[in-house]
């Protein structure tokens, strides 16, 4: 056997300079002897092949966390619900809030609860995907996502933790095992990336969200400022107005829901990833070029090759990386 040529070997990093941290794990997170189930592996790697698609997924602890002995804040869940052509595949990824002690637990909870919600509704979801019912999918998945993240906030209250700290971004893919169905569904909340590799070129297909801007409009839940005769109803004396007992206290703004369906073509590669990979893909063109070359080949990479490709480093980007890629036959 001939040794692989340098062009075929995975690269350690891209860019003009090597990253600051070591390429391999350094320090382990601290362990509690009475709660060893709370430990998180440095790396999780998985894959499958169903219908017309091949799935590869990985979650890596970032260089910074490896150096500081912090647990991986990213979580990854892959599950199959149902059997045969009616099976539904879920890939769920979540990222906990930076610099909070329970970030890895919040991410794992978010993945577990959305997995439970999707699993209980998988028959209807599978039918909607195969029938192309985009509106039903969007509204249904929005409800499931809200309920799952609502459970996360409820769990924070039970633990006596600030809900803004015990929180997570959540990004998911739904894939039908039916070989005749090439509809791929993405949904979730929070930052990250959704890309499509087609004909050797990356397309950024992250769903855009529209922010509601402008001042509050008088008349929506508020009394008029004057009577019809022109008399003022209230005087502003600079005294804070107590909250109304008839209205719930305002909540902090939540991340908008993101949703996209796409119809895959033979030869496409769909990539969903956390911010740890999306940011360098958008910020370092050489990384995109390298992965496009590696992932445009006739056969999908094996698990080891996908892991090596996913951990190619870029100076200035040291966060956890979680990625799920789908190759279309």
Protein backbone atom coordinates (compact mmCIF):
# COMPACT_ATOMS: atom_id res chain seq x y z
CA UNK A 1 0.00 0.00 0.00
CA UNK A 2 1.23 3.47 -0.84
CA UNK A 3 1.22 6.08 1.93
CA UNK A 4 -1.38 8.85 1.47
CA UNK A 5 -0.18 11.91 -0.35
CA UNK A 6 0.15 15.14 1.66
CA UNK A 7 -2.87 16.60 -0.17
CA UNK A 8 -5.07 13.78 1.17
CA UNK A 9 -3.95 14.06 4.77
CA UNK A 10 -6.11 16.01 7.22
CA UNK A 11 -4.66 19.38 8.16
CA UNK A 12 -4.05 20.53 11.71
CA UNK A 13 -5.00 24.15 11.11
CA UNK A 14 -5.66 26.75 8.43
CA UNK A 15 -4.63 30.37 8.33
CA UNK A 16 -1.32 32.16 8.52
CA UNK A 17 -0.45 31.15 12.11
CA UNK A 18 -1.13 28.15 14.36
CA UNK A 19 -3.68 28.58 17.16
CA UNK A 20 -2.48 29.49 20.64
CA UNK A 21 -3.67 26.38 22.47
CA UNK A 22 -2.49 22.79 22.11
CA UNK A 23 -4.23 20.65 19.53
CA UNK A 24 -4.98 17.86 22.03
CA UNK A 25 -6.87 17.90 25.36
CA UNK A 26 -4.85 19.14 28.32
CA UNK A 27 -6.81 19.46 31.59
CA UNK A 28 -9.83 17.45 32.67
CA UNK A 29 -12.85 19.13 34.28
CA UNK A 30 -13.15 18.61 38.06
CA UNK A 31 -15.20 15.58 39.11
CA UNK A 32 -17.65 15.10 41.98
CA UNK A 33 -17.36 11.53 43.34
CA UNK A 34 -21.08 11.61 44.22
CA UNK A 35 -22.18 12.83 40.79
CA UNK A 36 -20.01 11.12 38.19
CA UNK A 37 -22.95 11.08 35.78
CA UNK A 38 -22.43 14.83 35.38
CA UNK A 39 -19.14 14.30 33.55
CA UNK A 40 -19.08 15.14 29.83
CA UNK A 41 -16.82 13.40 27.33
CA UNK A 42 -14.33 15.56 25.44
CA UNK A 43 -15.61 14.28 22.08
CA UNK A 44 -18.77 12.55 20.84
CA UNK A 45 -18.87 11.02 17.36
CA UNK A 46 -21.78 9.31 15.61
CA UNK A 47 -23.20 8.49 12.20
CA UNK A 48 -25.80 6.56 10.24
CA UNK A 49 -27.14 5.87 6.76
CA UNK A 50 -30.85 5.93 5.96
CA UNK A 51 -32.76 6.37 2.75
CA UNK A 52 -30.75 8.49 0.35
CA UNK A 53 -28.62 10.23 2.98
CA UNK A 54 -25.53 9.53 5.05
CA UNK A 55 -25.20 11.30 8.38
CA UNK A 56 -22.03 12.23 10.25
CA UNK A 57 -22.10 14.14 13.54
CA UNK A 58 -19.52 15.25 16.08
CA UNK A 59 -19.29 17.41 19.19
CA UNK A 60 -15.81 18.57 20.28
CA UNK A 61 -14.63 20.40 23.36
CA UNK A 62 -13.03 23.68 22.30
CA UNK A 63 -9.33 24.45 22.64
CA UNK A 64 -10.01 27.02 25.36
CA UNK A 65 -12.11 24.61 27.47
CA UNK A 66 -9.51 21.88 27.01
CA UNK A 67 -6.78 24.17 28.29
CA UNK A 68 -8.79 25.50 31.25
CA UNK A 69 -10.22 22.15 32.31
CA UNK A 70 -13.83 23.18 31.63
CA UNK A 71 -16.55 20.78 30.43
CA UNK A 72 -17.87 20.88 26.88
CA UNK A 73 -20.85 23.30 26.77
CA UNK A 74 -22.16 21.81 23.53
CA UNK A 75 -24.46 18.81 23.58
CA UNK A 76 -25.42 16.44 20.75
CA UNK A 77 -28.36 14.05 20.47
CA UNK A 78 -29.09 11.72 17.54
CA UNK A 79 -32.22 9.58 17.68
CA UNK A 80 -34.34 7.43 15.35
CA UNK A 81 -38.05 7.19 15.98
CA UNK A 82 -40.09 4.55 14.17
CA UNK A 83 -39.03 1.81 11.77
CA UNK A 84 -38.57 1.26 8.07
CA UNK A 85 -39.38 4.00 5.60
CA UNK A 86 -41.60 5.71 8.16
CA UNK A 87 -38.71 6.28 10.57
CA UNK A 88 -37.77 9.84 11.47
CA UNK A 89 -34.23 10.90 12.36
CA UNK A 90 -33.60 13.77 14.76
CA UNK A 91 -30.27 15.53 15.19
CA UNK A 92 -30.37 18.01 18.08
CA UNK A 93 -27.52 20.26 19.16
CA UNK A 94 -27.47 22.75 22.02
CA UNK A 95 -24.98 25.17 23.54
CA UNK A 96 -25.11 26.35 27.15
CA UNK A 97 -24.42 29.89 28.30
CA UNK A 98 -20.75 30.80 28.48
CA UNK A 99 -19.11 31.08 31.92
CA UNK A 100 -21.99 29.50 33.86
CA UNK A 101 -21.41 26.38 36.00
CA UNK A 102 -24.41 24.43 34.70
CA UNK A 103 -23.99 25.21 30.99
CA UNK A 104 -23.36 21.59 29.98
CA UNK A 105 -26.38 20.37 31.96
CA UNK A 106 -28.67 22.99 30.40
CA UNK A 107 -27.52 21.98 26.91
CA UNK A 108 -28.09 18.30 27.64
CA UNK A 109 -31.54 19.04 29.08
CA UNK A 110 -32.51 21.06 26.00
CA UNK A 111 -31.53 18.19 23.69
CA UNK A 112 -33.28 15.61 25.82
CA UNK A 113 -36.56 17.54 26.07
CA UNK A 114 -36.78 18.38 22.37
CA UNK A 115 -35.95 14.74 21.65
CA UNK A 116 -38.80 13.59 23.87
CA UNK A 117 -41.22 16.05 22.26
CA UNK A 118 -40.27 15.08 18.70
CA UNK A 119 -40.31 11.39 19.53
CA UNK A 120 -43.87 11.55 20.84
CA UNK A 121 -45.01 13.36 17.69
CA UNK A 122 -42.83 11.57 15.15
CA UNK A 123 -45.66 9.91 13.20
CA UNK A 124 -47.40 13.21 12.46
CA UNK A 125 -44.12 14.99 11.79
CA UNK A 126 -43.03 12.28 9.38
CA UNK A 127 -46.31 12.51 7.49
CA UNK A 128 -46.04 16.30 7.26
CA UNK A 129 -42.47 16.08 5.94
CA UNK A 130 -43.34 13.54 3.26
CA UNK A 131 -46.43 15.53 2.24
CA UNK A 132 -44.53 18.83 2.19
CA UNK A 133 -46.85 20.56 4.71
CA UNK A 134 -44.48 23.41 5.48
CA UNK A 135 -46.96 25.53 7.42
CA UNK A 136 -48.01 22.67 9.69
CA UNK A 137 -44.38 21.75 10.30
CA UNK A 138 -43.38 25.29 11.19
CA UNK A 139 -46.21 25.87 13.64
CA UNK A 140 -45.92 22.42 15.20
CA UNK A 141 -42.16 22.54 15.65
CA UNK A 142 -42.41 26.07 17.03
CA UNK A 143 -44.76 24.79 19.74
CA UNK A 144 -42.52 21.83 20.56
CA UNK A 145 -39.48 24.09 20.79
CA UNK A 146 -41.26 26.59 23.05
CA UNK A 147 -42.43 23.82 25.36
CA UNK A 148 -38.96 22.29 25.57
CA UNK A 149 -37.25 25.59 26.36
CA UNK A 150 -40.09 26.39 28.76
CA UNK A 151 -39.19 23.24 30.67
CA UNK A 152 -35.62 24.51 30.79
CA UNK A 153 -36.78 27.75 32.40
CA UNK A 154 -38.95 25.80 34.84
CA UNK A 155 -35.99 23.64 35.77
CA UNK A 156 -33.95 26.77 36.45
CA UNK A 157 -36.65 28.01 38.83
CA UNK A 158 -36.70 24.65 40.63
CA UNK A 159 -32.93 24.83 41.10
CA UNK A 160 -33.04 28.44 42.23
CA UNK A 161 -30.91 29.46 39.25
CA UNK A 162 -31.29 32.54 37.06
CA UNK A 163 -33.21 31.40 33.92
CA UNK A 164 -30.89 33.56 31.81
CA UNK A 165 -27.95 31.47 33.01
CA UNK A 166 -29.59 28.04 32.85
CA UNK A 167 -30.42 28.41 29.16
CA UNK A 168 -29.24 27.07 25.83
CA UNK A 169 -29.41 27.66 22.12
CA UNK A 170 -31.06 24.76 20.29
CA UNK A 171 -30.69 23.72 16.65
CA UNK A 172 -32.21 20.61 15.09
CA UNK A 173 -32.47 18.65 11.84
CA UNK A 174 -35.27 16.26 10.90
CA UNK A 175 -34.60 13.64 8.21
CA UNK A 176 -37.03 11.11 6.80
CA UNK A 177 -35.80 7.55 6.27
CA UNK A 178 -38.00 7.32 3.16
CA UNK A 179 -35.60 7.16 0.17
CA UNK A 180 -38.16 8.99 -1.97
CA UNK A 181 -38.30 11.95 0.43
CA UNK A 182 -35.51 14.49 0.07
CA UNK A 183 -37.05 17.22 2.24
CA UNK A 184 -34.73 18.26 5.06
CA UNK A 185 -36.13 20.30 7.94
CA UNK A 186 -34.13 22.65 10.16
CA UNK A 187 -35.54 24.42 13.22
CA UNK A 188 -34.40 25.94 16.48
CA UNK A 189 -33.38 29.10 18.31
CA UNK A 190 -30.06 30.80 18.87
CA UNK A 191 -26.84 31.38 16.94
CA UNK A 192 -25.03 28.89 14.76
CA UNK A 193 -24.90 28.02 11.10
CA UNK A 194 -26.77 26.18 8.36
CA UNK A 195 -24.80 25.68 5.15
CA UNK A 196 -25.21 23.73 1.93
CA UNK A 197 -22.31 22.47 -0.15
CA UNK A 198 -23.48 22.28 -3.76
CA UNK A 199 -21.24 21.88 -6.83
CA UNK A 200 -18.18 22.50 -4.66
CA UNK A 201 -19.37 25.86 -3.30
CA UNK A 202 -20.71 26.70 0.14
CA UNK A 203 -24.09 28.42 0.41
CA UNK A 204 -25.04 30.08 3.70
CA UNK A 205 -28.73 29.19 4.06
CA UNK A 206 -29.19 30.17 7.71
CA UNK A 207 -32.82 31.34 8.08
CA UNK A 208 -33.02 35.09 8.64
CA UNK A 209 -35.25 36.45 11.37
CA UNK A 210 -37.02 39.79 11.34
CA UNK A 211 -36.77 41.94 14.44
CA UNK A 212 -39.79 44.01 15.48
CA UNK A 213 -38.62 47.61 15.75
CA UNK A 214 -40.23 50.91 16.71
CA UNK A 215 -41.83 52.50 19.72
CA UNK A 216 -44.88 51.02 21.48
CA UNK A 217 -48.12 52.02 19.79
CA UNK A 218 -50.77 53.78 21.89
CA UNK A 219 -54.04 51.92 21.93
CA UNK A 220 -52.67 48.37 22.15
CA UNK A 221 -53.57 47.58 25.75
CA UNK A 222 -53.31 51.20 26.96
CA UNK A 223 -56.02 53.77 27.80
CA UNK A 224 -56.14 56.99 25.76
CA UNK A 225 -54.06 59.90 27.05
CA UNK A 226 -57.02 62.33 26.94
CA UNK A 227 -60.80 62.29 27.11
CA UNK A 228 -62.77 63.37 24.03
CA UNK A 229 -63.07 66.82 25.69
CA UNK A 230 -59.31 67.13 25.91
CA UNK A 231 -58.89 66.54 29.64
CA UNK A 232 -55.74 64.72 30.72
CA UNK A 233 -56.45 61.43 32.43
CA UNK A 234 -53.10 61.15 34.23
CA UNK A 235 -50.25 63.35 35.32
CA UNK A 236 -46.64 62.29 35.08
CA UNK A 237 -45.17 63.09 38.50
CA UNK A 238 -42.06 61.02 37.95
CA UNK A 239 -43.33 58.26 40.25
CA UNK A 240 -42.69 54.73 38.97
CA UNK A 241 -45.92 52.95 38.09
CA UNK A 242 -46.28 49.60 39.88
CA UNK A 243 -46.95 46.58 37.68
CA UNK A 244 -50.59 45.84 37.03
CA UNK A 245 -51.95 42.83 38.96
CA UNK A 246 -53.91 41.93 35.82
CA UNK A 247 -50.89 41.60 33.53
CA UNK A 248 -47.97 39.20 33.87
CA UNK A 249 -44.57 40.69 34.57
CA UNK A 250 -42.65 41.28 31.35
CA UNK A 251 -40.15 38.60 30.44
CA UNK A 252 -36.74 39.25 28.89
CA UNK A 253 -36.80 39.05 25.10
CA UNK A 254 -36.39 35.54 23.76
CA UNK A 255 -34.45 34.33 20.78
CA UNK A 256 -36.62 34.19 17.64
CA UNK A 257 -37.62 30.84 16.22
CA UNK A 258 -35.73 29.76 13.10
CA UNK A 259 -37.17 27.36 10.52
CA UNK A 260 -36.24 26.23 7.05
CA UNK A 261 -37.12 23.35 4.76
CA UNK A 262 -34.93 22.49 1.79
CA UNK A 263 -35.15 19.90 -0.95
CA UNK A 264 -31.83 18.14 -1.39
CA UNK A 265 -30.29 17.38 -4.74
CA UNK A 266 -28.06 14.34 -5.37
CA UNK A 267 -24.51 15.30 -4.42
CA UNK A 268 -25.51 17.98 -1.88
CA UNK A 269 -24.02 18.16 1.60
CA UNK A 270 -26.07 19.90 4.27
CA UNK A 271 -24.18 21.15 7.34
CA UNK A 272 -25.77 22.29 10.60
CA UNK A 273 -23.34 23.49 13.24
CA UNK A 274 -22.94 25.45 16.44
CA UNK A 275 -21.29 28.85 16.52
CA UNK A 276 -17.95 27.22 17.28
CA UNK A 277 -17.73 26.01 13.67
CA UNK A 278 -20.06 28.50 11.98
CA UNK A 279 -17.98 31.50 13.07
CA UNK A 280 -14.64 30.31 11.60
CA UNK A 281 -16.42 29.09 8.46
CA UNK A 282 -17.72 32.62 7.92
CA UNK A 283 -14.55 34.33 9.11
CA UNK A 284 -11.75 32.27 7.54
CA UNK A 285 -12.27 31.51 3.82
CA UNK A 286 -9.47 28.96 3.83
CA UNK A 287 -11.41 26.71 6.20
CA UNK A 288 -14.44 26.74 3.88
CA UNK A 289 -12.24 25.95 0.90
CA UNK A 290 -10.56 23.09 2.71
CA UNK A 291 -13.81 21.49 3.89
CA UNK A 292 -15.42 21.98 0.47
CA UNK A 293 -12.58 20.03 -1.10
CA UNK A 294 -12.73 17.27 1.51
CA UNK A 295 -16.52 16.91 1.51
CA UNK A 296 -17.17 17.18 -2.25
CA UNK A 297 -15.67 13.78 -2.99
CA UNK A 298 -17.80 10.94 -4.38
CA UNK A 299 -18.11 9.06 -1.07
CA UNK A 300 -18.94 10.55 2.33
CA UNK A 301 -16.04 10.45 4.81
CA UNK A 302 -15.87 7.76 7.43
CA UNK A 303 -16.26 8.66 11.08
CA UNK A 304 -12.54 9.07 11.72
CA UNK A 305 -12.05 11.24 8.63
CA UNK A 306 -15.06 13.40 9.52
CA UNK A 307 -13.68 13.90 13.02
CA UNK A 308 -10.30 14.93 11.63
CA UNK A 309 -11.88 17.39 9.20
CA UNK A 310 -14.17 18.91 11.82
CA UNK A 311 -11.34 19.67 14.22
CA UNK A 312 -9.15 21.60 11.76
CA UNK A 313 -8.35 24.67 13.83
CA UNK A 314 -8.26 28.40 13.12
CA UNK A 315 -6.41 30.93 15.26
CA UNK A 316 -8.81 33.12 17.21
CA UNK A 317 -11.60 30.51 17.31
CA UNK A 318 -11.41 28.27 20.38
CA UNK A 319 -15.04 27.44 21.26
CA UNK A 320 -16.68 24.03 21.31
CA UNK A 321 -17.60 22.71 17.88
CA UNK A 322 -20.67 20.65 17.12
CA UNK A 323 -21.55 19.71 13.56
CA UNK A 324 -23.95 17.41 11.75
CA UNK A 325 -23.48 16.86 8.02
CA UNK A 326 -25.79 15.00 5.62
CA UNK A 327 -24.51 13.66 2.30
CA UNK A 328 -27.08 13.01 -0.42
CA UNK A 329 -26.58 9.94 -2.61
